[in-house]
Amino acid sequence: MTDTYRVDLLVDKGSDFAFQLYWTDQYDEPLTITYPMKMTVAFGAPQTYISVTETPTGGELAYISYNAEAGFIQLSLPDSHTNTFTVGQYKYDLWAHISDPDDVVNTTKRAKIIEGNFNVLSSVTTF
């Protein structure tokens, strides 16, 4: 149904970070994404560093926003979150649910959309 793509991300420690993607099929038609979505950044196999879901509960929180019909997904991490990372390389993956248009009963399936390295870089300039 869908492939998992490898995308390495670069994040400047202490800066706001946003990453956007459009999830489409082989004909560039948007795939309908649905709740829930989750992204986890980990350092080493079992150690979770941060886990992000799609519903911000207030304040400066990391969150995932999306437009279901357009297949649009955006991850947002405020500077208060990126500043907590130690400079280095982490692993991440992003999971979502998709309404499978090829399924006769139109079920919703969970799929890993992207995965890769989450590289936190040090900043030269500070405020």
N, C-alpha and C. Protein backbone atom coordinates (compact mmCIF):
# COMPACT_ATOMS: atom_id res chain seq x y z
N MET A 1 0.81 -1.19 0.00
CA MET A 1 0.00 0.00 0.00
C MET A 1 0.86 1.26 0.00
N THR A 2 1.73 1.42 0.97
CA THR A 2 2.61 2.58 1.01
C THR A 2 4.01 2.14 1.37
N ASP A 3 4.96 2.96 0.99
CA ASP A 3 6.35 2.70 1.32
C ASP A 3 6.77 3.65 2.43
N THR A 4 7.74 3.20 3.23
CA THR A 4 8.35 4.07 4.23
C THR A 4 9.56 4.71 3.57
N TYR A 5 9.67 6.02 3.69
CA TYR A 5 10.78 6.73 3.08
C TYR A 5 11.77 7.17 4.14
N ARG A 6 13.03 7.19 3.78
CA ARG A 6 14.09 7.64 4.69
C ARG A 6 14.36 9.10 4.41
N VAL A 7 14.22 9.93 5.44
CA VAL A 7 14.48 11.36 5.35
C VAL A 7 15.27 11.76 6.59
N ASP A 8 16.50 12.22 6.40
CA ASP A 8 17.29 12.70 7.52
C ASP A 8 16.96 14.17 7.78
N LEU A 9 16.77 14.51 9.05
CA LEU A 9 16.40 15.88 9.44
C LEU A 9 17.56 16.54 10.15
N LEU A 10 17.75 17.85 9.89
CA LEU A 10 18.75 18.66 10.57
C LEU A 10 18.04 19.70 11.42
N VAL A 11 18.38 19.75 12.69
CA VAL A 11 17.73 20.66 13.63
C VAL A 11 18.80 21.48 14.33
N ASP A 12 18.66 22.79 14.33
CA ASP A 12 19.58 23.64 15.08
C ASP A 12 19.12 23.70 16.53
N LYS A 13 20.01 23.35 17.44
CA LYS A 13 19.69 23.37 18.88
C LYS A 13 19.28 24.79 19.26
N GLY A 14 18.17 24.91 19.97
CA GLY A 14 17.69 26.20 20.45
C GLY A 14 16.92 27.03 19.43
N SER A 15 16.58 26.46 18.27
CA SER A 15 15.79 27.20 17.28
C SER A 15 14.44 26.53 17.09
N ASP A 16 13.48 27.29 16.57
CA ASP A 16 12.19 26.71 16.21
C ASP A 16 12.42 25.80 14.99
N PHE A 17 11.72 24.68 14.96
CA PHE A 17 11.88 23.73 13.87
C PHE A 17 10.50 23.34 13.36
N ALA A 18 10.35 23.30 12.04
CA ALA A 18 9.12 22.81 11.41
C ALA A 18 9.50 22.00 10.18
N PHE A 19 8.78 20.93 9.97
CA PHE A 19 9.01 20.05 8.83
C PHE A 19 7.65 19.74 8.22
N GLN A 20 7.53 19.92 6.91
CA GLN A 20 6.26 19.70 6.22
C GLN A 20 6.42 18.65 5.14
N LEU A 21 5.36 17.86 4.96
CA LEU A 21 5.37 16.90 3.86
C LEU A 21 3.95 16.68 3.37
N TYR A 22 3.86 16.28 2.11
CA TYR A 22 2.60 15.86 1.50
C TYR A 22 2.71 14.37 1.23
N TRP A 23 1.78 13.61 1.74
CA TRP A 23 1.78 12.16 1.58
C TRP A 23 0.85 11.81 0.43
N THR A 24 1.42 11.30 -0.67
CA THR A 24 0.64 11.02 -1.87
C THR A 24 0.89 9.59 -2.35
N ASP A 25 0.02 9.13 -3.24
CA ASP A 25 0.21 7.81 -3.83
C ASP A 25 1.08 7.93 -5.08
N GLN A 26 1.22 6.83 -5.83
CA GLN A 26 2.09 6.82 -7.01
C GLN A 26 1.60 7.72 -8.13
N TYR A 27 0.35 8.19 -8.05
CA TYR A 27 -0.21 9.09 -9.06
C TYR A 27 -0.24 10.54 -8.57
N ASP A 28 0.46 10.82 -7.46
CA ASP A 28 0.50 12.14 -6.82
C ASP A 28 -0.86 12.59 -6.29
N GLU A 29 -1.73 11.63 -6.02
CA GLU A 29 -3.01 11.93 -5.39
C GLU A 29 -2.83 11.87 -3.88
N PRO A 30 -3.35 12.83 -3.12
CA PRO A 30 -3.16 12.82 -1.67
C PRO A 30 -3.79 11.59 -1.03
N LEU A 31 -3.09 11.02 -0.05
CA LEU A 31 -3.65 9.94 0.75
C LEU A 31 -4.35 10.56 1.95
N THR A 32 -5.54 10.09 2.25
CA THR A 32 -6.31 10.64 3.35
C THR A 32 -5.75 10.13 4.67
N ILE A 33 -5.18 11.04 5.45
CA ILE A 33 -4.60 10.68 6.74
C ILE A 33 -5.59 10.98 7.85
N THR A 34 -5.52 10.20 8.91
CA THR A 34 -6.45 10.39 10.01
C THR A 34 -5.74 10.25 11.35
N TYR A 35 -6.44 10.63 12.39
CA TYR A 35 -5.98 10.49 13.75
C TYR A 35 -5.84 9.02 14.09
N PRO A 36 -4.90 8.59 14.91
CA PRO A 36 -3.82 9.37 15.52
C PRO A 36 -2.54 9.34 14.70
N MET A 37 -1.65 10.30 14.99
CA MET A 37 -0.32 10.38 14.42
C MET A 37 0.67 10.50 15.56
N LYS A 38 1.88 9.98 15.34
CA LYS A 38 2.88 10.06 16.40
C LYS A 38 4.27 10.02 15.80
N MET A 39 5.16 10.86 16.34
CA MET A 39 6.56 10.84 15.97
C MET A 39 7.37 10.66 17.24
N THR A 40 8.34 9.76 17.19
CA THR A 40 9.21 9.53 18.34
C THR A 40 10.65 9.75 17.90
N VAL A 41 11.39 10.48 18.75
CA VAL A 41 12.82 10.68 18.55
C VAL A 41 13.51 9.93 19.68
N ALA A 42 14.46 9.07 19.34
CA ALA A 42 15.11 8.25 20.36
C ALA A 42 16.62 8.28 20.20
N PHE A 43 17.29 8.13 21.32
CA PHE A 43 18.75 8.03 21.34
C PHE A 43 19.08 6.63 21.83
N GLY A 44 19.45 5.76 20.93
CA GLY A 44 19.62 4.36 21.31
C GLY A 44 18.27 3.66 21.20
N ALA A 45 18.30 2.36 21.17
CA ALA A 45 17.09 1.57 20.90
C ALA A 45 15.92 1.84 21.83
N PRO A 46 16.01 1.58 23.12
CA PRO A 46 14.79 1.69 23.92
C PRO A 46 14.57 3.08 24.55
N GLN A 47 15.54 3.98 24.45
CA GLN A 47 15.45 5.24 25.17
C GLN A 47 14.76 6.31 24.34
N THR A 48 13.51 6.64 24.69
CA THR A 48 12.77 7.68 23.99
C THR A 48 13.17 9.04 24.51
N TYR A 49 13.51 9.94 23.61
CA TYR A 49 13.90 11.29 24.00
C TYR A 49 12.70 12.23 23.97
N ILE A 50 11.91 12.14 22.90
CA ILE A 50 10.71 12.97 22.79
C ILE A 50 9.68 12.20 21.97
N SER A 51 8.43 12.34 22.34
CA SER A 51 7.35 11.73 21.60
C SER A 51 6.32 12.82 21.33
N VAL A 52 5.95 12.99 20.07
CA VAL A 52 5.08 14.09 19.66
C VAL A 52 3.79 13.53 19.08
N THR A 53 2.65 14.09 19.49
CA THR A 53 1.36 13.69 18.92
C THR A 53 0.73 14.88 18.23
N GLU A 54 -0.46 14.68 17.68
CA GLU A 54 -1.05 15.73 16.84
C GLU A 54 -1.87 16.77 17.57
N THR A 55 -2.03 16.67 18.88
CA THR A 55 -2.90 17.62 19.55
C THR A 55 -2.14 18.43 20.60
N PRO A 56 -1.84 19.71 20.30
CA PRO A 56 -1.20 20.51 21.33
C PRO A 56 -2.21 20.80 22.45
N THR A 57 -1.76 20.75 23.69
CA THR A 57 -2.67 20.97 24.80
C THR A 57 -2.48 22.34 25.44
N GLY A 58 -1.74 23.22 24.78
CA GLY A 58 -1.53 24.58 25.28
C GLY A 58 -0.06 24.87 25.49
N GLY A 59 0.26 26.15 25.53
CA GLY A 59 1.64 26.54 25.75
C GLY A 59 2.49 26.29 24.51
N GLU A 60 3.78 26.31 24.70
CA GLU A 60 4.73 26.08 23.61
C GLU A 60 5.07 24.61 23.51
N LEU A 61 4.17 23.83 22.98
CA LEU A 61 4.39 22.39 22.90
C LEU A 61 4.75 21.97 21.48
N ALA A 62 5.44 20.86 21.40
CA ALA A 62 5.69 20.25 20.11
C ALA A 62 4.41 19.57 19.67
N TYR A 63 4.11 19.61 18.38
CA TYR A 63 2.89 18.96 17.92
C TYR A 63 2.96 18.66 16.43
N ILE A 64 2.02 17.83 15.99
CA ILE A 64 1.86 17.51 14.58
C ILE A 64 0.50 18.04 14.14
N SER A 65 0.49 18.85 13.09
CA SER A 65 -0.78 19.30 12.52
C SER A 65 -0.93 18.67 11.14
N TYR A 66 -2.17 18.59 10.66
CA TYR A 66 -2.38 17.95 9.37
C TYR A 66 -3.67 18.40 8.73
N ASN A 67 -3.75 18.20 7.42
CA ASN A 67 -4.96 18.39 6.64
C ASN A 67 -5.25 17.04 6.00
N ALA A 68 -6.28 16.38 6.49
CA ALA A 68 -6.57 15.00 6.09
C ALA A 68 -6.76 14.83 4.58
N GLU A 69 -7.53 15.72 3.96
CA GLU A 69 -7.86 15.56 2.55
C GLU A 69 -6.67 15.86 1.64
N ALA A 70 -5.77 16.75 2.07
CA ALA A 70 -4.62 17.13 1.23
C ALA A 70 -3.42 16.22 1.44
N GLY A 71 -3.46 15.36 2.46
CA GLY A 71 -2.31 14.53 2.76
C GLY A 71 -1.16 15.32 3.35
N PHE A 72 -1.46 16.49 3.92
CA PHE A 72 -0.44 17.41 4.44
C PHE A 72 -0.17 17.13 5.92
N ILE A 73 1.11 17.04 6.29
CA ILE A 73 1.53 16.83 7.67
C ILE A 73 2.62 17.83 8.00
N GLN A 74 2.52 18.47 9.18
CA GLN A 74 3.57 19.38 9.64
C GLN A 74 3.94 19.06 11.08
N LEU A 75 5.22 18.90 11.32
CA LEU A 75 5.75 18.71 12.66
C LEU A 75 6.31 20.04 13.12
N SER A 76 5.98 20.45 14.34
CA SER A 76 6.50 21.71 14.89
C SER A 76 7.14 21.45 16.25
N LEU A 77 8.37 21.92 16.39
CA LEU A 77 9.08 21.86 17.66
C LEU A 77 9.54 23.27 18.00
N PRO A 78 9.08 23.84 19.11
CA PRO A 78 9.52 25.18 19.48
C PRO A 78 10.95 25.16 20.01
N ASP A 79 11.57 26.34 20.07
CA ASP A 79 12.95 26.43 20.52
C ASP A 79 13.15 25.88 21.93
N SER A 80 12.12 25.96 22.77
CA SER A 80 12.23 25.42 24.13
C SER A 80 12.43 23.91 24.11
N HIS A 81 11.91 23.24 23.09
CA HIS A 81 12.12 21.79 22.95
C HIS A 81 13.48 21.46 22.34
N THR A 82 13.82 22.15 21.24
CA THR A 82 15.09 21.83 20.58
C THR A 82 16.28 22.18 21.46
N ASN A 83 16.10 23.11 22.37
CA ASN A 83 17.19 23.49 23.27
C ASN A 83 17.49 22.40 24.30
N THR A 84 16.55 21.49 24.54
CA THR A 84 16.77 20.41 25.51
C THR A 84 17.60 19.26 24.94
N PHE A 85 17.74 19.20 23.62
CA PHE A 85 18.53 18.15 23.00
C PHE A 85 20.02 18.39 23.20
N THR A 86 20.76 17.32 23.41
CA THR A 86 22.21 17.37 23.36
C THR A 86 22.60 17.25 21.90
N VAL A 87 23.60 18.02 21.47
CA VAL A 87 24.06 17.95 20.09
C VAL A 87 24.45 16.50 19.78
N GLY A 88 23.96 15.99 18.66
CA GLY A 88 24.28 14.62 18.29
C GLY A 88 23.27 14.06 17.32
N GLN A 89 23.35 12.76 17.12
CA GLN A 89 22.48 12.07 16.16
C GLN A 89 21.51 11.16 16.90
N TYR A 90 20.23 11.29 16.55
CA TYR A 90 19.16 10.49 17.11
C TYR A 90 18.49 9.76 15.95
N LYS A 91 17.57 8.87 16.27
CA LYS A 91 16.73 8.21 15.26
C LYS A 91 15.29 8.67 15.48
N TYR A 92 14.51 8.72 14.42
CA TYR A 92 13.10 9.08 14.56
C TYR A 92 12.28 8.28 13.56
N ASP A 93 10.98 8.21 13.83
CA ASP A 93 10.02 7.73 12.85
C ASP A 93 8.69 8.44 13.07
N LEU A 94 7.92 8.53 12.00
CA LEU A 94 6.61 9.20 12.02
C LEU A 94 5.57 8.21 11.53
N TRP A 95 4.56 7.96 12.37
CA TRP A 95 3.46 7.04 12.05
C TRP A 95 2.16 7.82 11.92
N ALA A 96 1.29 7.35 11.03
CA ALA A 96 -0.03 7.94 10.86
C ALA A 96 -1.01 6.85 10.47
N HIS A 97 -2.27 7.20 10.44
CA HIS A 97 -3.30 6.29 9.96
C HIS A 97 -3.78 6.79 8.61
N ILE A 98 -4.08 5.86 7.73
CA ILE A 98 -4.51 6.20 6.37
C ILE A 98 -5.80 5.46 6.05
N SER A 99 -6.69 6.15 5.36
CA SER A 99 -7.87 5.48 4.81
C SER A 99 -7.43 4.87 3.50
N ASP A 100 -7.45 3.55 3.42
CA ASP A 100 -6.94 2.84 2.25
C ASP A 100 -7.98 2.84 1.13
N PRO A 101 -7.75 3.61 0.06
CA PRO A 101 -8.72 3.69 -1.03
C PRO A 101 -8.82 2.39 -1.84
N ASP A 102 -7.79 1.54 -1.76
CA ASP A 102 -7.81 0.28 -2.52
C ASP A 102 -8.54 -0.84 -1.78
N ASP A 103 -8.85 -0.59 -0.52
CA ASP A 103 -9.51 -1.62 0.29
C ASP A 103 -11.02 -1.55 0.05
N VAL A 104 -11.61 -2.67 -0.26
CA VAL A 104 -13.04 -2.71 -0.58
C VAL A 104 -13.91 -2.24 0.59
N VAL A 105 -13.48 -2.52 1.80
CA VAL A 105 -14.29 -2.13 2.95
C VAL A 105 -13.84 -0.79 3.53
N ASN A 106 -12.89 -0.13 2.84
CA ASN A 106 -12.44 1.20 3.20
C ASN A 106 -11.99 1.28 4.67
N THR A 107 -11.09 0.41 5.05
CA THR A 107 -10.59 0.40 6.42
C THR A 107 -9.48 1.43 6.60
N THR A 108 -9.19 1.71 7.86
CA THR A 108 -8.09 2.60 8.20
C THR A 108 -6.93 1.74 8.67
N LYS A 109 -5.73 2.04 8.16
CA LYS A 109 -4.56 1.25 8.51
C LYS A 109 -3.46 2.16 9.06
N ARG A 110 -2.66 1.62 9.96
CA ARG A 110 -1.53 2.35 10.52
C ARG A 110 -0.32 2.13 9.63
N ALA A 111 0.44 3.21 9.37
CA ALA A 111 1.61 3.09 8.50
C ALA A 111 2.73 4.01 8.97
N LYS A 112 3.97 3.51 8.86
CA LYS A 112 5.13 4.35 9.11
C LYS A 112 5.40 5.12 7.82
N ILE A 113 5.36 6.44 7.91
CA ILE A 113 5.51 7.28 6.72
C ILE A 113 6.97 7.54 6.41
N ILE A 114 7.70 8.04 7.39
CA ILE A 114 9.11 8.35 7.19
C ILE A 114 9.90 7.94 8.43
N GLU A 115 11.19 7.76 8.22
CA GLU A 115 12.11 7.46 9.31
C GLU A 115 13.48 7.97 8.91
N GLY A 116 14.36 8.11 9.88
CA GLY A 116 15.72 8.52 9.54
C GLY A 116 16.49 9.04 10.73
N ASN A 117 17.56 9.73 10.43
CA ASN A 117 18.37 10.36 11.46
C ASN A 117 17.81 11.73 11.80
N PHE A 118 17.83 12.06 13.07
CA PHE A 118 17.40 13.35 13.59
C PHE A 118 18.68 13.99 14.15
N ASN A 119 19.33 14.83 13.33
CA ASN A 119 20.63 15.38 13.68
C ASN A 119 20.47 16.75 14.33
N VAL A 120 20.92 16.87 15.57
CA VAL A 120 20.86 18.14 16.29
C VAL A 120 22.23 18.80 16.19
N LEU A 121 22.25 20.01 15.64
CA LEU A 121 23.49 20.75 15.40
C LEU A 121 23.65 21.87 16.42
N SER A 122 24.88 22.21 16.71
CA SER A 122 25.11 23.34 17.61
C SER A 122 25.00 24.63 16.81
N SER A 123 24.62 25.69 17.49
CA SER A 123 24.50 26.99 16.85
C SER A 123 25.74 27.83 17.11
N VAL A 124 26.13 28.62 16.14
CA VAL A 124 27.25 29.54 16.31
C VAL A 124 26.74 30.81 16.99
N THR A 125 25.58 31.28 16.55
CA THR A 125 24.99 32.49 17.09
C THR A 125 24.03 32.16 18.22
N THR A 126 24.10 32.90 19.32
CA THR A 126 23.15 32.72 20.42
C THR A 126 22.49 34.06 20.72
N PHE A 127 21.30 34.00 21.28
CA PHE A 127 20.57 35.24 21.64
C PHE A 127 20.53 35.38 23.13
